[in-house]
Amino acid sequence: MTESRKTEEQLHIQKVYFEKLFNGDPEAIVLHDNNNIVVKVNDEFTRMFGYSREEATGKSVNELVTSQEFQDEASENFHKVIHGQTVEVESKRKRKDGTLFDVSILHTPIIHGDNQTAVYAIYHRDISERKKAEEELHVEKTYLEELFNSAPEAIILHDNNDIIVNVNAEFTRMFGYSREEAIGKPINDLVASEEFKEHAAANSYKVTHGQRTDNDSKRRRKDGTLFDVWIIGAPIIDNGKQMGVYAIYRDITERKKAEEARIRSLEEARMARDIQINLLPQSNPEMDGYDIAGRSIPALNVGGDYYDFVRLDDYRLAIGLGDVSGKGLAASLVMSNLQATIRGQIFFDANANGCLEGANKLLFHSTDSRTFVSLFYGILDTQKNTLSYSNAGHDIPLIFSAGKKPTPLKTRGIALGLKKDVSYMKEEISFHSDDLLLIYSDGVSEAMNERKEEFGEKRLQEIVQHNSDDSASEIIEKIIAATNLHFGNAPQNDDMTIIIIKRKP
């Protein structure tokens, strides 16, 4: 084989090799001349831009793949390259269908010169996916930074040596330090006062050793003031390695004040309950021939129900059961006033109606128009075995006699405190052997369960009838047990008060 033949074959092999490399390159390549006219494109160019070789060859590169808004940039790149420079940029280029996409461009001379042999190459790499990922990361970072800085709690990021790396906007507001003042400082030196340094150090030790902490404490502002905070500390773990720590501080000053106020309120309510309990009868009265018992259970710590026994002499007992409108502390204060009023009236007029009329005037002048009291008041005479009574708007008591249906004591007037001058009727009934009188407040009959069903007068009557042989105290306890069973998980909705008077056989 002649040298000429060998040379031709080598050139052919090199050309084939070049074509393979050129068309197998994963980047879109354009070769152009000194006038920016396309000389050759590879396979990836036709795929990426959508032009065939025939459509691309002989066309201006910039007119082919550069949209109007990027023409100046592309022209500047071209002029740099034909003067021997290599240009690397990220930009956008246009496909045949007009869509723009992100590309990385390497524009470089291959054969440099001013004659017809000059060749330049433009390498295009589609970076759309990378740009999309970068944009998503940017959006996510912006979103997280916004969350970090708009969080209502103060947040600190610090390294495993307790050195602050970053703080959010609420930290600067809560503690008074700027970001520049805080970053780079040990967290506990910045916000923990001397008396809480040990607590802060214990928290730091736990968190920097992979534990989570959650507790209340006090921390110090820049101006030195201490305030109550709820603190959460937790490690930041990435691929099993602790990268640092975040700490969240919430100002709980108002919550602490509310807790202290609640404790004071509970203590005041307890004291009020103790006072009210002491105002109610401490024991059941003992009267010859009678079994008498009373019980009051407030819906709240203190209640507005009232009952009382006042011995007038060896044979007579004044009995009262009332219900103040509303419940709680306000009602209990009116109840205390009512007890004092009734006891005071007894010494002026022991008659049931006269006592109520005097009490009504006093309550009308001492309470507002929204406050009223229902009250059953009677005087039991154990010599005559009679009960004279008056009723100011209270639930109607029932007399139970052997072998008979319960008899209601129907005589009733309006509640106390609604009108200035009111006359009340007085009635008298006789107590026969084994007769039983039930006096109660509406908190018993109207006790409501979770289904909004009332306990009811019928059920109340049945309990008394079925247990009439029991003592007065035992019957009351059975009524209370039945109402508690009826409540189920529902709260007691009103004060409950019961008096039972039984004449012994």
Protein backbone atom coordinates (compact mmCIF):
# COMPACT_ATOMS: atom_id res chain seq x y z
CA MET A 1 0.00 0.00 0.00
CA THR A 2 1.39 3.37 -1.02
CA GLU A 3 1.99 6.16 1.48
CA SER A 4 -0.74 8.18 -0.20
CA ARG A 5 -3.22 5.36 0.27
CA LYS A 6 -2.27 4.97 3.93
CA THR A 7 -2.70 8.66 4.50
CA GLU A 8 -6.14 8.61 2.91
CA GLU A 9 -7.23 5.68 5.08
CA GLN A 10 -5.94 7.37 8.24
CA LEU A 11 -7.76 10.54 7.33
CA HIS A 12 -10.92 8.52 6.71
CA ILE A 13 -10.58 6.79 10.09
CA GLN A 14 -10.04 10.12 11.83
CA LYS A 15 -13.06 11.59 10.07
CA VAL A 16 -15.25 8.66 11.10
CA TYR A 17 -13.90 8.92 14.64
CA PHE A 18 -14.59 12.66 14.70
CA GLU A 19 -18.12 12.16 13.37
CA LYS A 20 -18.81 9.55 16.05
CA LEU A 21 -17.49 11.84 18.77
CA PHE A 22 -19.30 14.84 17.34
CA ASN A 23 -22.68 13.13 17.01
CA GLY A 24 -22.31 11.12 20.20
CA ASP A 25 -21.61 14.16 22.36
CA PRO A 26 -24.40 14.64 24.97
CA GLU A 27 -24.29 18.39 24.40
CA ALA A 28 -25.81 20.19 21.42
CA ILE A 29 -22.89 21.45 19.28
CA VAL A 30 -22.99 24.10 16.57
CA LEU A 31 -19.95 24.83 14.39
CA HIS A 32 -20.06 28.23 12.70
CA ASP A 33 -17.81 30.47 10.64
CA ASN A 34 -16.58 34.05 11.00
CA ASN A 35 -20.01 35.36 10.01
CA ASN A 36 -21.85 33.28 12.62
CA ILE A 37 -23.29 31.05 9.89
CA VAL A 38 -23.95 27.44 10.87
CA VAL A 39 -21.50 25.05 9.24
CA LYS A 40 -22.41 21.86 11.07
CA VAL A 41 -24.63 20.62 13.93
CA ASN A 42 -24.60 17.31 15.78
CA ASP A 43 -27.41 14.86 16.55
CA GLU A 44 -28.05 16.31 20.01
CA PHE A 45 -28.57 19.76 18.48
CA THR A 46 -31.33 18.44 16.22
CA ARG A 47 -32.97 16.72 19.22
CA MET A 48 -32.59 19.66 21.61
CA PHE A 49 -33.63 22.46 19.26
CA GLY A 50 -35.91 20.57 16.87
CA TYR A 51 -34.19 21.59 13.61
CA SER A 52 -32.93 19.11 11.05
CA ARG A 53 -29.37 19.49 9.76
CA GLU A 54 -30.70 20.82 6.48
CA GLU A 55 -32.81 23.44 8.28
CA ALA A 56 -29.90 24.58 10.44
CA THR A 57 -26.94 24.56 8.03
CA GLY A 58 -26.34 27.91 6.36
CA LYS A 59 -28.47 29.87 8.84
CA SER A 60 -27.31 32.52 11.30
CA VAL A 61 -26.83 30.92 14.71
CA ASN A 62 -28.44 33.81 16.57
CA GLU A 63 -31.46 33.96 14.28
CA LEU A 64 -31.90 30.21 14.62
CA VAL A 65 -31.75 29.70 18.40
CA THR A 66 -31.75 33.12 20.09
CA SER A 67 -34.98 34.93 20.98
CA GLN A 68 -35.24 38.69 20.69
CA GLU A 69 -34.56 39.45 24.37
CA PHE A 70 -31.24 37.56 24.26
CA GLN A 71 -29.93 38.84 20.88
CA ASP A 72 -27.64 41.47 22.40
CA GLU A 73 -26.08 38.96 24.78
CA ALA A 74 -25.53 36.42 21.96
CA SER A 75 -23.99 39.08 19.67
CA GLU A 76 -21.60 40.16 22.43
CA ASN A 77 -20.57 36.53 22.96
CA PHE A 78 -19.97 36.10 19.21
CA HIS A 79 -17.70 39.17 19.01
CA LYS A 80 -15.63 37.99 21.97
CA VAL A 81 -15.15 34.55 20.45
CA ILE A 82 -14.10 35.72 16.97
CA HIS A 83 -11.45 37.78 18.76
CA GLY A 84 -10.01 34.67 20.35
CA GLN A 85 -11.83 34.55 23.70
CA THR A 86 -13.77 31.64 25.21
CA VAL A 87 -17.16 32.51 26.73
CA GLU A 88 -19.05 30.50 29.35
CA VAL A 89 -22.53 31.69 30.33
CA GLU A 90 -25.90 30.45 31.51
CA SER A 91 -28.79 31.85 29.54
CA LYS A 92 -31.94 30.90 27.67
CA ARG A 93 -32.26 29.74 24.08
CA LYS A 94 -35.17 29.12 21.74
CA ARG A 95 -36.35 25.86 20.22
CA LYS A 96 -37.88 25.60 16.76
CA ASP A 97 -41.38 25.62 18.34
CA GLY A 98 -40.56 28.94 20.04
CA THR A 99 -40.27 27.65 23.61
CA LEU A 100 -37.44 29.03 25.72
CA PHE A 101 -35.35 26.81 27.97
CA ASP A 102 -32.35 27.19 30.25
CA VAL A 103 -28.93 26.35 28.79
CA SER A 104 -25.30 26.38 29.81
CA ILE A 105 -23.24 27.72 26.87
CA LEU A 106 -19.56 27.24 26.10
CA HIS A 107 -18.58 29.34 23.04
CA THR A 108 -14.99 28.83 21.90
CA PRO A 109 -12.71 29.14 18.83
CA ILE A 110 -11.75 25.83 17.16
CA ILE A 111 -9.72 27.19 14.21
CA HIS A 112 -9.13 30.91 14.78
CA GLY A 113 -8.44 33.34 11.97
CA ASP A 114 -9.84 35.95 9.64
CA ASN A 115 -10.03 33.72 6.59
CA GLN A 116 -12.48 31.18 5.35
CA THR A 117 -10.89 28.39 7.42
CA ALA A 118 -11.93 29.84 10.84
CA VAL A 119 -14.33 27.59 12.78
CA TYR A 120 -16.03 28.22 16.14
CA ALA A 121 -18.00 25.88 18.35
CA ILE A 122 -20.97 26.51 20.62
CA TYR A 123 -21.74 23.80 23.17
CA HIS A 124 -25.29 23.89 24.59
CA ARG A 125 -26.23 21.92 27.68
CA ASP A 126 -29.90 21.80 28.69
CA ILE A 127 -29.98 22.83 32.39
CA SER A 128 -33.77 23.14 32.69
CA GLU A 129 -34.02 20.42 35.34
CA ARG A 130 -31.15 21.89 37.33
CA LYS A 131 -32.67 25.36 37.15
CA LYS A 132 -36.04 23.96 38.16
CA ALA A 133 -34.44 22.21 41.13
CA GLU A 134 -32.57 25.40 42.05
CA GLU A 135 -35.79 27.39 41.83
CA GLU A 136 -37.60 24.86 43.99
CA LEU A 137 -34.77 25.00 46.52
CA HIS A 138 -34.88 28.79 46.44
CA VAL A 139 -38.64 28.81 46.98
CA GLU A 140 -38.32 26.27 49.79
CA LYS A 141 -35.52 28.26 51.40
CA THR A 142 -37.53 31.48 51.12
CA TYR A 143 -40.58 29.73 52.55
CA LEU A 144 -38.60 28.29 55.48
CA GLU A 145 -36.94 31.65 56.16
CA GLU A 146 -40.35 33.31 56.13
CA LEU A 147 -41.71 30.69 58.52
CA PHE A 148 -38.65 31.11 60.73
CA ASN A 149 -38.93 34.89 60.88
CA SER A 150 -42.72 35.09 61.11
CA ALA A 151 -43.03 32.47 63.88
CA PRO A 152 -44.83 33.85 66.96
CA GLU A 153 -42.22 32.23 69.23
CA ALA A 154 -38.60 33.27 69.63
CA ILE A 155 -36.39 30.71 67.85
CA ILE A 156 -32.64 30.29 68.26
CA LEU A 157 -30.38 28.00 66.24
CA HIS A 158 -27.08 27.21 67.90
CA ASP A 159 -24.26 24.76 67.39
CA ASN A 160 -23.30 21.88 69.64
CA ASN A 161 -21.15 24.24 71.72
CA ASP A 162 -24.13 26.51 72.55
CA ILE A 163 -22.92 29.26 70.19
CA ILE A 164 -25.80 31.08 68.47
CA VAL A 165 -25.88 30.63 64.69
CA ASN A 166 -29.17 32.36 63.89
CA VAL A 167 -32.18 33.99 65.58
CA ASN A 168 -35.57 34.97 64.21
CA ALA A 169 -37.41 38.30 64.33
CA GLU A 170 -39.45 37.36 67.40
CA PHE A 171 -36.25 36.66 69.34
CA THR A 172 -35.00 40.18 68.67
CA ARG A 173 -38.36 41.59 69.80
CA MET A 174 -38.74 39.36 72.86
CA PHE A 175 -35.18 39.61 74.20
CA GLY A 176 -34.16 43.02 72.81
CA TYR A 177 -30.95 41.90 71.07
CA SER A 178 -30.30 42.52 67.38
CA ARG A 179 -29.23 39.56 65.23
CA GLU A 180 -25.72 40.97 65.09
CA GLU A 181 -25.56 41.19 68.89
CA ALA A 182 -26.82 37.63 69.32
CA ILE A 183 -25.02 35.62 66.63
CA GLY A 184 -21.72 34.18 67.82
CA LYS A 185 -22.58 34.49 71.53
CA PRO A 186 -23.12 31.58 73.97
CA ILE A 187 -26.88 31.27 74.37
CA ASN A 188 -26.90 30.93 78.16
CA ASP A 189 -24.60 33.92 78.68
CA LEU A 190 -27.03 35.98 76.63
CA VAL A 191 -30.45 35.07 78.10
CA ALA A 192 -29.96 33.13 81.37
CA SER A 193 -29.60 35.15 84.59
CA GLU A 194 -27.30 33.91 87.33
CA GLU A 195 -30.02 32.17 89.37
CA PHE A 196 -31.17 30.21 86.29
CA LYS A 197 -27.73 29.39 84.84
CA GLU A 198 -27.74 25.91 86.36
CA HIS A 199 -31.18 25.14 84.91
CA ALA A 200 -30.11 26.49 81.51
CA ALA A 201 -26.87 24.47 81.57
CA ALA A 202 -28.80 21.29 82.38
CA ASN A 203 -31.11 21.92 79.41
CA SER A 204 -28.13 22.56 77.12
CA TYR A 205 -26.38 19.38 78.23
CA LYS A 206 -29.44 17.25 77.49
CA VAL A 207 -30.09 18.79 74.07
CA THR A 208 -26.47 18.71 72.91
CA HIS A 209 -26.47 15.03 73.84
CA GLY A 210 -29.47 14.24 71.66
CA GLN A 211 -32.36 14.67 74.11
CA ARG A 212 -35.44 16.89 73.80
CA THR A 213 -36.35 19.28 76.64
CA ASP A 214 -39.67 20.95 77.43
CA ASN A 215 -40.14 23.06 80.57
CA ASP A 216 -41.14 26.39 82.09
CA SER A 217 -38.54 28.76 83.50
CA LYS A 218 -37.48 32.40 83.54
CA ARG A 219 -35.11 34.12 81.14
CA ARG A 220 -33.52 37.56 80.98
CA ARG A 221 -34.01 40.32 78.43
CA LYS A 222 -31.24 42.64 77.29
CA ASP A 223 -32.48 45.28 79.77
CA GLY A 224 -32.06 42.77 82.62
CA THR A 225 -35.74 42.11 83.31
CA LEU A 226 -36.77 38.52 83.98
CA PHE A 227 -39.91 37.03 82.46
CA ASP A 228 -41.66 33.66 82.39
CA VAL A 229 -40.99 31.46 79.37
CA TRP A 230 -41.90 28.04 78.06
CA ILE A 231 -38.80 26.49 76.48
CA ILE A 232 -38.47 23.65 73.98
CA GLY A 233 -35.00 22.47 73.01
CA ALA A 234 -34.31 19.76 70.44
CA PRO A 235 -31.33 18.44 68.48
CA ILE A 236 -31.08 18.93 64.70
CA ILE A 237 -30.17 15.55 63.19
CA ASP A 238 -29.07 14.94 59.59
CA ASN A 239 -28.18 11.44 58.39
CA GLY A 240 -27.74 10.31 61.97
CA LYS A 241 -25.37 13.15 62.85
CA GLN A 242 -26.28 15.98 65.23
CA MET A 243 -25.71 19.23 63.33
CA GLY A 244 -26.82 21.61 66.06
CA VAL A 245 -29.78 22.58 68.25
CA TYR A 246 -32.90 24.67 67.99
CA ALA A 247 -34.54 26.32 70.99
CA ILE A 248 -38.04 27.82 71.06
CA TYR A 249 -39.07 30.38 73.68
CA ARG A 250 -42.69 31.40 74.31
CA ASP A 251 -43.49 34.31 76.62
CA ILE A 252 -45.96 32.87 79.15
CA THR A 253 -46.13 35.90 81.44
CA GLU A 254 -49.88 36.35 80.85
CA ARG A 255 -50.52 32.62 81.29
CA LYS A 256 -48.68 32.65 84.61
CA LYS A 257 -50.69 35.66 85.75
CA ALA A 258 -53.89 33.87 84.74
CA GLU A 259 -52.80 30.74 86.63
CA GLU A 260 -52.05 32.77 89.74
CA ALA A 261 -55.41 34.54 89.42
CA ARG A 262 -57.14 31.18 89.02
CA ILE A 263 -55.42 29.83 92.13
CA ARG A 264 -56.49 32.93 94.07
CA SER A 265 -60.02 32.55 92.73
CA LEU A 266 -60.13 28.88 93.75
CA GLU A 267 -58.87 29.79 97.20
CA GLU A 268 -61.48 32.54 97.51
CA ALA A 269 -64.16 30.11 96.31
CA ARG A 270 -62.99 27.54 98.87
CA MET A 271 -63.20 30.15 101.62
CA ALA A 272 -66.65 31.22 100.39
CA ARG A 273 -67.76 27.59 100.37
CA ASP A 274 -66.51 27.12 103.93
CA ILE A 275 -68.40 30.24 105.00
CA GLN A 276 -71.56 29.08 103.24
CA ILE A 277 -71.32 25.60 104.74
CA ASN A 278 -71.05 27.20 108.17
CA LEU A 279 -74.16 29.27 107.44
CA LEU A 280 -76.21 26.17 106.60
CA PRO A 281 -77.46 23.91 109.43
CA GLN A 282 -74.61 21.89 110.89
CA SER A 283 -76.92 19.14 112.07
CA ASN A 284 -80.50 18.00 111.62
CA PRO A 285 -82.97 19.23 114.25
CA GLU A 286 -84.42 16.86 116.83
CA MET A 287 -88.12 17.40 117.52
CA ASP A 288 -90.27 14.99 119.52
CA GLY A 289 -92.24 12.68 117.26
CA TYR A 290 -90.51 13.78 114.04
CA ASP A 291 -87.59 12.75 111.84
CA ILE A 292 -86.25 15.82 109.99
CA ALA A 293 -83.27 16.10 107.61
CA GLY A 294 -81.89 18.53 105.05
CA ARG A 295 -79.08 18.57 102.50
CA SER A 296 -77.79 21.08 99.93
CA ILE A 297 -75.31 20.35 97.10
CA PRO A 298 -74.14 23.39 95.09
CA ALA A 299 -73.51 23.08 91.35
CA LEU A 300 -70.35 25.18 91.75
CA ASN A 301 -68.07 25.66 94.73
CA VAL A 302 -70.71 27.89 96.26
CA GLY A 303 -74.41 27.96 95.49
CA GLY A 304 -77.57 30.02 95.62
CA ASP A 305 -79.81 27.44 97.30
CA TYR A 306 -80.71 28.01 100.93
CA TYR A 307 -82.25 25.96 103.67
CA ASP A 308 -82.52 26.56 107.38
CA PHE A 309 -84.00 25.25 110.60
CA VAL A 310 -84.69 27.70 113.46
CA ARG A 311 -86.07 26.40 116.75
CA LEU A 312 -88.64 28.91 118.01
CA ASP A 313 -89.39 27.06 121.25
CA ASP A 314 -89.63 23.49 122.53
CA TYR A 315 -92.51 22.68 120.18
CA ARG A 316 -92.11 24.90 117.16
CA LEU A 317 -89.53 24.79 114.36
CA ALA A 318 -89.21 27.33 111.53
CA ILE A 319 -88.29 25.65 108.23
CA GLY A 320 -87.14 27.42 105.07
CA LEU A 321 -85.91 26.30 101.65
CA GLY A 322 -85.10 28.88 98.98
CA ASP A 323 -83.49 29.22 95.57
CA VAL A 324 -81.72 32.43 94.51
CA SER A 325 -81.77 33.23 90.79
CA GLY A 326 -78.42 32.28 89.22
CA LYS A 327 -75.67 30.31 90.88
CA GLY A 328 -72.08 30.66 92.00
CA LEU A 329 -70.55 33.34 94.21
CA ALA A 330 -73.07 36.10 93.40
CA ALA A 331 -76.02 33.84 94.22
CA SER A 332 -74.34 32.65 97.41
CA LEU A 333 -73.97 36.25 98.62
CA VAL A 334 -77.70 36.83 98.10
CA MET A 335 -78.36 33.52 99.86
CA SER A 336 -76.36 34.70 102.88
CA ASN A 337 -78.32 37.95 102.84
CA LEU A 338 -81.58 35.96 102.61
CA GLN A 339 -80.68 33.83 105.62
CA ALA A 340 -79.93 36.89 107.73
CA THR A 341 -83.14 38.55 106.50
CA ILE A 342 -85.37 35.56 107.31
CA ARG A 343 -83.80 35.02 110.71
CA GLY A 344 -84.27 38.70 111.48
CA GLN A 345 -87.92 38.63 110.40
CA ILE A 346 -88.73 35.65 112.62
CA PHE A 347 -88.31 37.82 115.72
CA PHE A 348 -90.67 40.47 114.34
CA ASP A 349 -93.33 38.17 112.95
CA ALA A 350 -93.20 34.40 113.39
CA ASN A 351 -96.19 33.90 111.10
CA ALA A 352 -95.15 32.38 107.77
CA ASN A 353 -96.85 35.00 105.58
CA GLY A 354 -95.74 37.95 107.72
CA CYS A 355 -92.15 36.75 107.64
CA LEU A 356 -92.17 36.50 103.82
CA GLU A 357 -93.79 39.92 103.40
CA GLY A 358 -91.13 41.59 105.56
CA ALA A 359 -88.31 39.70 103.84
CA ASN A 360 -89.68 40.67 100.42
CA LYS A 361 -89.49 44.40 101.21
CA LEU A 362 -85.91 44.14 102.46
CA LEU A 363 -84.77 42.10 99.43
CA PHE A 364 -86.54 44.41 97.00
CA HIS A 365 -84.51 47.37 98.29
CA SER A 366 -81.19 45.52 98.66
CA THR A 367 -80.97 43.67 95.31
CA ASP A 368 -81.21 44.67 91.65
CA SER A 369 -84.19 43.98 89.40
CA ARG A 370 -82.58 40.84 87.94
CA THR A 371 -82.28 39.11 91.31
CA PHE A 372 -85.17 37.26 92.91
CA VAL A 373 -85.63 34.43 95.37
CA SER A 374 -88.14 31.59 95.49
CA LEU A 375 -88.79 30.49 99.07
CA PHE A 376 -90.95 27.99 100.90
CA TYR A 377 -91.27 28.92 104.56
CA GLY A 378 -93.24 27.11 107.24
CA ILE A 379 -93.59 26.62 110.99
CA LEU A 380 -93.91 23.08 112.30
CA ASP A 381 -95.86 22.75 115.57
CA THR A 382 -95.11 19.35 117.11
CA GLN A 383 -97.78 19.77 119.80
CA LYS A 384 -100.58 20.39 117.33
CA ASN A 385 -98.93 18.28 114.60
CA THR A 386 -99.51 21.06 112.08
CA LEU A 387 -97.46 22.98 109.55
CA SER A 388 -98.47 26.54 108.70
CA TYR A 389 -96.71 27.75 105.56
CA SER A 390 -96.42 30.36 102.83
CA ASN A 391 -94.78 29.92 99.45
CA ALA A 392 -93.04 32.69 97.49
CA GLY A 393 -92.82 31.20 94.00
CA HIS A 394 -91.02 28.02 95.06
CA ASP A 395 -91.48 24.47 93.71
CA ILE A 396 -94.59 22.94 95.23
CA PRO A 397 -93.81 20.57 98.14
CA LEU A 398 -95.52 17.19 98.36
CA ILE A 399 -97.20 15.38 101.28
CA PHE A 400 -96.94 11.58 101.17
CA SER A 401 -99.54 9.66 103.20
CA ALA A 402 -99.83 5.89 103.47
CA GLY A 403 -102.01 4.41 100.73
CA LYS A 404 -102.57 7.76 98.99
CA LYS A 405 -101.14 9.64 96.05
CA PRO A 406 -98.76 12.50 96.92
CA THR A 407 -100.68 15.70 97.74
CA PRO A 408 -99.21 19.00 96.49
CA LEU A 409 -99.24 22.07 98.75
CA LYS A 410 -100.60 24.34 96.03
CA THR A 411 -100.83 27.69 97.84
CA ARG A 412 -98.18 29.91 96.26
CA GLY A 413 -97.37 33.59 95.57
CA ILE A 414 -94.70 35.40 93.54
CA ALA A 415 -90.98 35.17 94.27
CA LEU A 416 -89.31 37.55 96.72
CA GLY A 417 -87.68 40.73 95.45
CA LEU A 418 -89.77 41.26 92.30
CA LYS A 419 -92.30 43.73 93.75
CA LYS A 420 -92.11 46.09 96.70
CA ASP A 421 -95.42 45.32 98.42
CA VAL A 422 -96.73 41.77 98.20
CA SER A 423 -99.26 39.90 100.37
CA TYR A 424 -98.76 36.17 100.83
CA MET A 425 -101.42 33.62 101.76
CA LYS A 426 -100.88 31.32 104.71
CA GLU A 427 -102.12 27.72 104.78
CA GLU A 428 -102.07 25.08 107.48
CA ILE A 429 -101.90 21.32 107.09
CA SER A 430 -102.05 18.50 109.62
CA PHE A 431 -99.40 15.83 110.01
CA HIS A 432 -100.79 12.35 110.53
CA SER A 433 -98.83 9.34 111.68
CA ASP A 434 -96.23 8.30 109.03
CA ASP A 435 -96.93 11.37 106.88
CA LEU A 436 -93.89 12.65 104.99
CA LEU A 437 -93.31 16.15 103.56
CA LEU A 438 -90.84 16.59 100.68
CA ILE A 439 -89.51 20.11 100.01
CA TYR A 440 -86.95 20.51 97.22
CA SER A 441 -85.37 22.96 94.79
CA ASP A 442 -85.78 22.66 91.01
CA GLY A 443 -82.13 21.58 90.72
CA VAL A 444 -83.36 18.11 91.76
CA SER A 445 -86.34 17.64 89.45
CA GLU A 446 -84.63 19.42 86.54
CA ALA A 447 -81.27 17.63 86.86
CA MET A 448 -80.21 17.06 83.25
CA ASN A 449 -78.17 14.26 81.69
CA GLU A 450 -76.04 14.24 78.52
CA ARG A 451 -79.15 13.74 76.35
CA LYS A 452 -80.77 16.85 77.88
CA GLU A 453 -83.33 14.68 79.69
CA GLU A 454 -84.58 15.93 83.06
CA PHE A 455 -84.68 13.74 86.16
CA GLY A 456 -88.35 14.65 86.58
CA GLU A 457 -90.87 14.95 89.43
CA LYS A 458 -92.32 11.51 88.72
CA ARG A 459 -89.01 9.75 89.38
CA LEU A 460 -88.50 11.86 92.49
CA GLN A 461 -91.91 10.83 93.85
CA GLU A 462 -91.25 7.15 93.10
CA ILE A 463 -87.98 7.18 95.06
CA VAL A 464 -89.72 8.69 98.10
CA GLN A 465 -92.65 6.25 97.91
CA HIS A 466 -90.43 3.17 97.49
CA ASN A 467 -88.22 4.19 100.42
CA SER A 468 -90.78 5.78 102.76
CA ASP A 469 -89.87 3.39 105.59
CA ASP A 470 -86.27 4.67 105.60
CA SER A 471 -85.11 7.58 107.72
CA ALA A 472 -85.34 11.12 106.34
CA SER A 473 -81.54 11.24 105.86
CA GLU A 474 -81.50 7.88 104.06
CA ILE A 475 -84.24 8.96 101.65
CA ILE A 476 -82.31 12.16 100.83
CA GLU A 477 -79.13 10.15 100.15
CA LYS A 478 -81.05 7.83 97.80
CA ILE A 479 -82.45 10.82 95.89
CA ILE A 480 -78.95 12.28 95.52
CA ALA A 481 -77.54 8.91 94.39
CA ALA A 482 -80.29 8.60 91.77
CA THR A 483 -79.66 12.11 90.41
CA ASN A 484 -75.90 11.44 90.21
CA LEU A 485 -76.61 8.26 88.26
CA HIS A 486 -78.90 10.26 85.97
CA PHE A 487 -76.22 12.90 85.32
CA GLY A 488 -73.80 10.31 83.94
CA ASN A 489 -70.89 12.31 82.51
CA ALA A 490 -72.89 15.53 82.38
CA PRO A 491 -72.03 18.18 84.99
CA GLN A 492 -74.50 19.11 87.71
CA ASN A 493 -76.42 21.97 86.12
CA ASP A 494 -77.99 23.57 89.20
CA ASP A 495 -77.84 23.58 92.99
CA MET A 496 -79.82 20.74 94.61
CA THR A 497 -81.46 21.12 98.03
CA ILE A 498 -83.86 18.75 99.81
CA ILE A 499 -85.71 18.79 103.14
CA ILE A 500 -87.75 15.81 104.37
CA ILE A 501 -90.03 15.93 107.43
CA LYS A 502 -91.48 12.63 108.66
CA ARG A 503 -93.93 12.20 111.50
CA LYS A 504 -93.03 9.09 113.40
CA PRO A 505 -95.67 6.37 113.98
